[in-house]
Amino acid sequence: MKTIATINFKGGVGKTTVTWCLGDVLSTYSRSKVILFDLDAQMSLTQAIALDAEGNSSGKFASWYENAAAHDKTIFSALRKFLETDLTGFQADNGFVFRLAENYHFVPSTEQLYWLELEAPDPGKGKFFIKNLLGKVENSGALPKYDYALFDCPPSFTMLSYSVLTSCDLILIPFNPDFFAAKGVGLLIAGLRHRIQPHPIPKLAVFANRARTYGGEPTKLARAWISDVRAACDNVSNQTSWRNLRTLRKRSGKRRGNCCVLRGA
C-alpha cells in the first residue's frame, strides 16, 4: 500500500481539494482501491462529504457517522486507545471506514482532534500511531487490500501529523503562486526535514495550485513566483542530507533532487 500525505500550514492552497480529487482519480480511472483519512480537526473534508448537492446533510453518511461515534470507532477513539494501551481489540472494519464508492473509502475526522495535544497521556508514543493503524487496516478481514492510503493532514506539526509524515512514501505540498509562497514553502520543507529526521525523508512534490493563467499558461508574475519556489526547493535538495535520496522529475524531465516543483493545477 502506497501512502501519500498532503500538507501545508497556509490555508486556502487547495490541500483538502487536492487530496480528495487525487483519491477520486485513482479510484475511478485506475480502479485502484483507495482509503482516505481526514486528519484535520477543521473537518472540511468530512463536512463536505456529509452534505448533498443541495447543501443538506446526507442521511446515509450522517447516520453512519453517528453510529461510529456512539461505538467509539472514530479516528480519535482509535488514537486514544493506542495512547492508553495499544490497538489490540480495535477493529478496523466497516464501522470505522465509510464506503464512499466501490473503490473509494473514507475515515472521517472529529473535532476532538483539536484537544489532542492537551489530552494525550503519552505524546511520544503517538508518533507511531499511523503505522500501527495502517497495520490494522491491512490485516483486517472486513476491508479490501488498499492500493493507496491518502492523508489530509492538519495544517501544523502535531503528534498526529508527525505519525503520518514518518510513515508515508510521498508528501504533497500545494502552494498558491503569490508573494509569500517561496518563503512559506521554504520554511515548511526545512521544518519537515528537521522534524522527520532521523527517520528517512520521503519524496516531496511541490506544485503550484490555483495559479493565474493567460492563454492556458501561468502569467508572467505567477511564473516568477513559481521560479522563486523552485529555487527554495533546489536549496533544500542540495543539502547533504537529501543528496542520496531518489529523485522526482519535473514536467520538463530535469532532475531536482528529492524535491520538485510541478507547474500543476
Protein backbone atom coordinates (compact mmCIF):
# COMPACT_ATOMS: atom_id res chain seq x y z
CA MET A 1 0.00 0.00 0.00
CA LYS A 2 1.43 3.35 -1.09
CA THR A 3 0.91 6.22 1.34
CA ILE A 4 0.57 9.87 0.28
CA ALA A 5 0.15 12.86 2.61
CA THR A 6 -0.88 16.40 1.68
CA ILE A 7 0.24 19.25 3.94
CA ASN A 8 0.70 23.00 4.07
CA PHE A 9 0.48 25.38 7.00
CA LYS A 10 -1.08 28.11 4.87
CA GLY A 11 -4.81 27.94 4.35
CA GLY A 12 -6.57 28.28 1.02
CA VAL A 13 -3.97 26.44 -1.05
CA GLY A 14 -6.30 23.59 -2.00
CA LYS A 15 -4.82 20.93 0.29
CA THR A 16 -8.13 19.24 1.01
CA THR A 17 -9.40 19.54 -2.58
CA VAL A 18 -6.17 18.08 -3.99
CA THR A 19 -6.33 15.10 -1.62
CA TRP A 20 -9.97 14.40 -2.44
CA CYS A 21 -9.50 14.72 -6.20
CA LEU A 22 -6.39 12.53 -6.20
CA GLY A 23 -8.30 9.78 -4.43
CA ASP A 24 -11.24 10.16 -6.81
CA VAL A 25 -8.99 9.90 -9.89
CA LEU A 26 -7.06 6.91 -8.55
CA SER A 27 -10.19 5.01 -7.55
CA THR A 28 -12.19 5.86 -10.68
CA TYR A 29 -9.73 5.78 -13.57
CA SER A 30 -7.02 3.38 -12.41
CA ARG A 31 -9.53 1.23 -10.49
CA SER A 32 -7.18 1.35 -7.51
CA LYS A 33 -8.60 0.74 -4.06
CA VAL A 34 -8.13 3.92 -2.02
CA ILE A 35 -8.64 4.76 1.65
CA LEU A 36 -8.69 8.46 2.53
CA PHE A 37 -8.08 9.78 6.06
CA ASP A 38 -9.27 13.23 7.13
CA LEU A 39 -6.91 14.12 9.99
CA ASP A 40 -7.67 17.85 10.09
CA ALA A 41 -9.72 18.92 13.14
CA GLN A 42 -11.34 21.62 10.97
CA MET A 43 -13.17 18.70 9.34
CA SER A 44 -13.53 20.44 5.96
CA LEU A 45 -13.48 17.19 4.01
CA THR A 46 -15.72 15.36 6.47
CA GLN A 47 -18.29 18.16 6.40
CA ALA A 48 -18.21 18.33 2.60
CA ILE A 49 -18.92 14.60 2.34
CA ALA A 50 -21.76 14.97 4.82
CA LEU A 51 -23.58 17.39 2.50
CA ASP A 52 -25.54 16.54 -0.60
CA ALA A 53 -25.71 18.59 -3.80
CA GLU A 54 -28.31 20.92 -2.22
CA GLY A 55 -26.14 21.56 0.84
CA ASN A 56 -28.23 19.41 3.17
CA SER A 57 -26.92 16.72 5.46
CA SER A 58 -26.67 13.38 3.67
CA GLY A 59 -28.67 10.83 5.62
CA LYS A 60 -26.50 7.82 4.78
CA PHE A 61 -23.21 9.30 5.93
CA ALA A 62 -24.74 11.22 8.86
CA SER A 63 -26.33 8.09 10.36
CA TRP A 64 -23.14 6.09 9.78
CA TYR A 65 -21.06 8.82 11.46
CA GLU A 66 -23.35 8.96 14.49
CA ASN A 67 -23.12 5.19 14.83
CA ALA A 68 -19.31 5.26 14.57
CA ALA A 69 -19.11 7.91 17.30
CA ALA A 70 -21.54 6.00 19.53
CA HIS A 71 -19.42 2.87 19.28
CA ASP A 72 -16.05 4.63 19.71
CA LYS A 73 -14.99 3.84 16.15
CA THR A 74 -13.61 7.30 15.25
CA ILE A 75 -10.02 8.22 14.45
CA PHE A 76 -9.83 9.99 17.82
CA SER A 77 -11.06 6.97 19.78
CA ALA A 78 -8.54 4.77 17.96
CA LEU A 79 -5.73 7.18 18.83
CA ARG A 80 -6.85 7.45 22.44
CA LYS A 81 -6.90 3.67 22.76
CA PHE A 82 -3.44 3.44 21.22
CA LEU A 83 -2.03 6.04 23.65
CA GLU A 84 -3.60 4.39 26.69
CA THR A 85 -2.61 0.82 25.81
CA ASP A 86 -2.37 -0.23 22.15
CA LEU A 87 -4.71 -1.11 19.29
CA THR A 88 -5.29 -4.67 20.46
CA GLY A 89 -9.01 -5.32 20.17
CA PHE A 90 -9.67 -2.33 17.93
CA GLN A 91 -11.47 -3.48 14.79
CA ALA A 92 -10.70 -1.60 11.58
CA ASP A 93 -13.90 -2.54 9.77
CA ASN A 94 -16.95 -1.00 8.11
CA GLY A 95 -17.87 0.66 11.39
CA PHE A 96 -14.61 2.63 11.19
CA VAL A 97 -14.32 3.05 7.41
CA PHE A 98 -17.14 4.61 5.36
CA ARG A 99 -17.59 3.33 1.80
CA LEU A 100 -17.97 6.33 -0.49
CA ALA A 101 -17.85 4.14 -3.59
CA GLU A 102 -16.77 0.63 -4.50
CA ASN A 103 -13.07 1.54 -4.60
CA TYR A 104 -13.06 4.74 -2.54
CA HIS A 105 -13.31 4.51 1.24
CA PHE A 106 -13.09 7.19 3.91
CA VAL A 107 -12.10 7.66 7.56
CA PRO A 108 -13.64 10.96 8.76
CA SER A 109 -12.22 13.49 11.18
CA THR A 110 -13.66 14.64 14.51
CA GLU A 111 -13.50 17.95 16.34
CA GLN A 112 -12.00 16.12 19.32
CA LEU A 113 -8.68 16.24 17.48
CA TYR A 114 -8.50 19.94 18.44
CA TRP A 115 -7.66 18.92 22.00
CA LEU A 116 -5.34 16.10 21.05
CA GLU A 117 -2.07 17.57 22.34
CA LEU A 118 -3.62 18.69 25.64
CA GLU A 119 -5.24 15.36 26.48
CA ALA A 120 -2.62 12.94 25.18
CA PRO A 121 -1.19 10.85 28.07
CA ASP A 122 1.98 9.97 26.12
CA PRO A 123 2.59 12.21 23.08
CA GLY A 124 5.85 10.44 22.28
CA LYS A 125 4.05 7.15 21.79
CA GLY A 126 1.59 8.83 19.44
CA LYS A 127 4.29 9.23 16.79
CA PHE A 128 3.82 5.56 15.92
CA PHE A 129 0.03 5.64 15.73
CA ILE A 130 -0.50 5.78 11.96
CA LYS A 131 1.97 2.99 11.28
CA ASN A 132 0.12 0.76 13.74
CA LEU A 133 -3.31 1.81 12.43
CA LEU A 134 -2.34 1.02 8.85
CA GLY A 135 -1.26 -2.40 10.06
CA LYS A 136 -4.74 -2.96 11.47
CA VAL A 137 -6.29 -1.81 8.18
CA GLU A 138 -4.06 -4.05 6.05
CA ASN A 139 -4.76 -7.09 8.21
CA SER A 140 -8.50 -6.54 8.50
CA GLY A 141 -10.64 -9.30 7.07
CA ALA A 142 -13.54 -6.86 6.64
CA LEU A 143 -11.69 -4.39 4.40
CA PRO A 144 -10.13 -4.79 0.95
CA LYS A 145 -6.42 -4.65 0.27
CA TYR A 146 -5.90 -0.98 -0.49
CA ASP A 147 -3.50 0.22 -3.14
CA TYR A 148 -3.28 3.75 -1.71
CA ALA A 149 -3.78 5.45 1.64
CA LEU A 150 -4.20 9.23 1.37
CA PHE A 151 -3.97 11.67 4.29
CA ASP A 152 -5.36 15.18 4.52
CA CYS A 153 -3.00 16.39 7.26
CA PRO A 154 -3.63 19.06 9.89
CA PRO A 155 -2.09 22.45 8.99
CA SER A 156 0.61 22.23 11.67
CA PHE A 157 3.22 19.93 13.14
CA THR A 158 1.30 17.85 15.67
CA MET A 159 1.76 14.41 17.10
CA LEU A 160 -0.74 13.13 14.54
CA SER A 161 0.88 14.80 11.53
CA TYR A 162 4.29 13.55 12.67
CA SER A 163 2.98 9.97 12.76
CA VAL A 164 1.75 10.40 9.16
CA LEU A 165 4.84 12.08 7.74
CA THR A 166 7.19 9.44 9.13
CA SER A 167 5.07 6.67 7.61
CA CYS A 168 4.36 7.93 4.10
CA ASP A 169 6.03 7.41 0.73
CA LEU A 170 5.23 10.83 -0.73
CA ILE A 171 4.43 14.27 0.70
CA LEU A 172 2.44 16.67 -1.50
CA ILE A 173 2.83 20.40 -0.84
CA PRO A 174 0.43 22.58 -2.85
CA PHE A 175 1.05 26.33 -2.89
CA ASN A 176 -0.59 29.40 -4.37
CA PRO A 177 1.94 31.31 -6.50
CA ASP A 178 1.95 34.62 -4.65
CA PHE A 179 4.28 36.92 -2.73
CA PHE A 180 4.52 34.67 0.34
CA ALA A 181 4.81 31.34 -1.46
CA ALA A 182 8.60 30.91 -1.67
CA LYS A 183 9.23 31.85 1.94
CA GLY A 184 6.38 29.71 3.24
CA VAL A 185 7.33 26.64 1.21
CA GLY A 186 10.99 27.02 2.14
CA LEU A 187 10.17 27.17 5.84
CA LEU A 188 7.80 24.22 5.55
CA ILE A 189 10.35 22.00 3.79
CA ALA A 190 13.10 22.95 6.24
CA GLY A 191 10.74 22.17 9.11
CA LEU A 192 9.77 18.83 7.61
CA ARG A 193 13.42 17.86 7.26
CA HIS A 194 14.17 18.89 10.83
CA ARG A 195 11.13 17.16 12.34
CA ILE A 196 11.25 13.91 10.37
CA GLN A 197 14.93 13.14 10.96
CA PRO A 198 16.32 10.65 11.92
CA HIS A 199 13.52 8.87 10.02
CA PRO A 200 14.08 8.54 6.26
CA ILE A 201 12.78 11.61 4.44
CA PRO A 202 10.02 10.76 1.92
CA LYS A 203 9.83 12.15 -1.57
CA LEU A 204 8.38 15.64 -1.79
CA ALA A 205 6.28 17.06 -4.62
CA VAL A 206 5.70 20.81 -4.51
CA PHE A 207 3.21 22.13 -7.05
CA ALA A 208 1.50 25.38 -7.93
CA ASN A 209 -2.25 25.35 -7.43
CA ARG A 210 -4.79 28.00 -8.42
CA ALA A 211 -2.22 29.88 -10.49
CA ARG A 212 -3.45 32.76 -12.60
CA THR A 213 -3.22 31.89 -16.28
CA TYR A 214 -3.44 33.58 -19.65
CA GLY A 215 -3.90 31.54 -22.80
CA GLY A 216 -3.63 28.32 -20.82
CA GLU A 217 -0.24 29.24 -19.33
CA PRO A 218 0.70 30.83 -15.98
CA THR A 219 1.02 34.60 -16.14
CA LYS A 220 4.44 36.24 -16.06
CA LEU A 221 4.01 37.13 -12.39
CA ALA A 222 2.85 33.61 -11.49
CA ARG A 223 5.88 32.14 -13.31
CA ALA A 224 8.17 34.42 -11.32
CA TRP A 225 6.72 33.21 -8.01
CA ILE A 226 6.89 29.59 -9.17
CA SER A 227 10.55 30.18 -10.03
CA ASP A 228 11.15 31.51 -6.50
CA VAL A 229 9.61 28.37 -5.02
CA ARG A 230 11.70 26.17 -7.31
CA ALA A 231 14.84 27.95 -6.09
CA ALA A 232 13.81 27.29 -2.48
CA CYS A 233 13.33 23.61 -3.32
CA ASP A 234 16.70 23.45 -5.07
CA ASN A 235 18.33 24.92 -1.99
CA VAL A 236 16.87 22.16 0.17
CA SER A 237 17.65 19.42 -2.37
CA ASN A 238 21.31 20.41 -2.44
CA GLN A 239 21.77 19.93 1.27
CA THR A 240 23.85 16.93 2.24
CA SER A 241 21.07 15.01 3.98
CA TRP A 242 18.99 14.96 0.79
CA ARG A 243 21.57 14.11 -1.85
CA ASN A 244 21.32 10.33 -1.80
CA LEU A 245 17.55 10.18 -1.91
CA ARG A 246 15.63 9.11 -5.00
CA THR A 247 14.65 11.94 -7.26
CA LEU A 248 11.37 13.11 -8.71
CA ARG A 249 11.14 14.57 -12.20
CA LYS A 250 9.59 17.87 -13.06
CA ARG A 251 7.41 18.03 -16.10
CA SER A 252 10.37 19.12 -18.24
CA GLY A 253 12.29 15.97 -17.27
CA LYS A 254 15.07 17.74 -15.36
CA ARG A 255 16.15 16.29 -12.06
CA ARG A 256 15.81 18.45 -8.96
CA GLY A 257 16.97 16.19 -6.14
CA ASN A 258 14.28 14.72 -3.94
CA CYS A 259 12.10 17.82 -4.15
CA CYS A 260 10.43 19.05 -7.31
CA VAL A 261 8.10 21.78 -8.47
CA LEU A 262 5.34 20.90 -10.89
CA ARG A 263 3.59 23.65 -12.78
CA GLY A 264 0.40 21.85 -11.94
CA ALA A 265 -3.22 22.68 -11.48
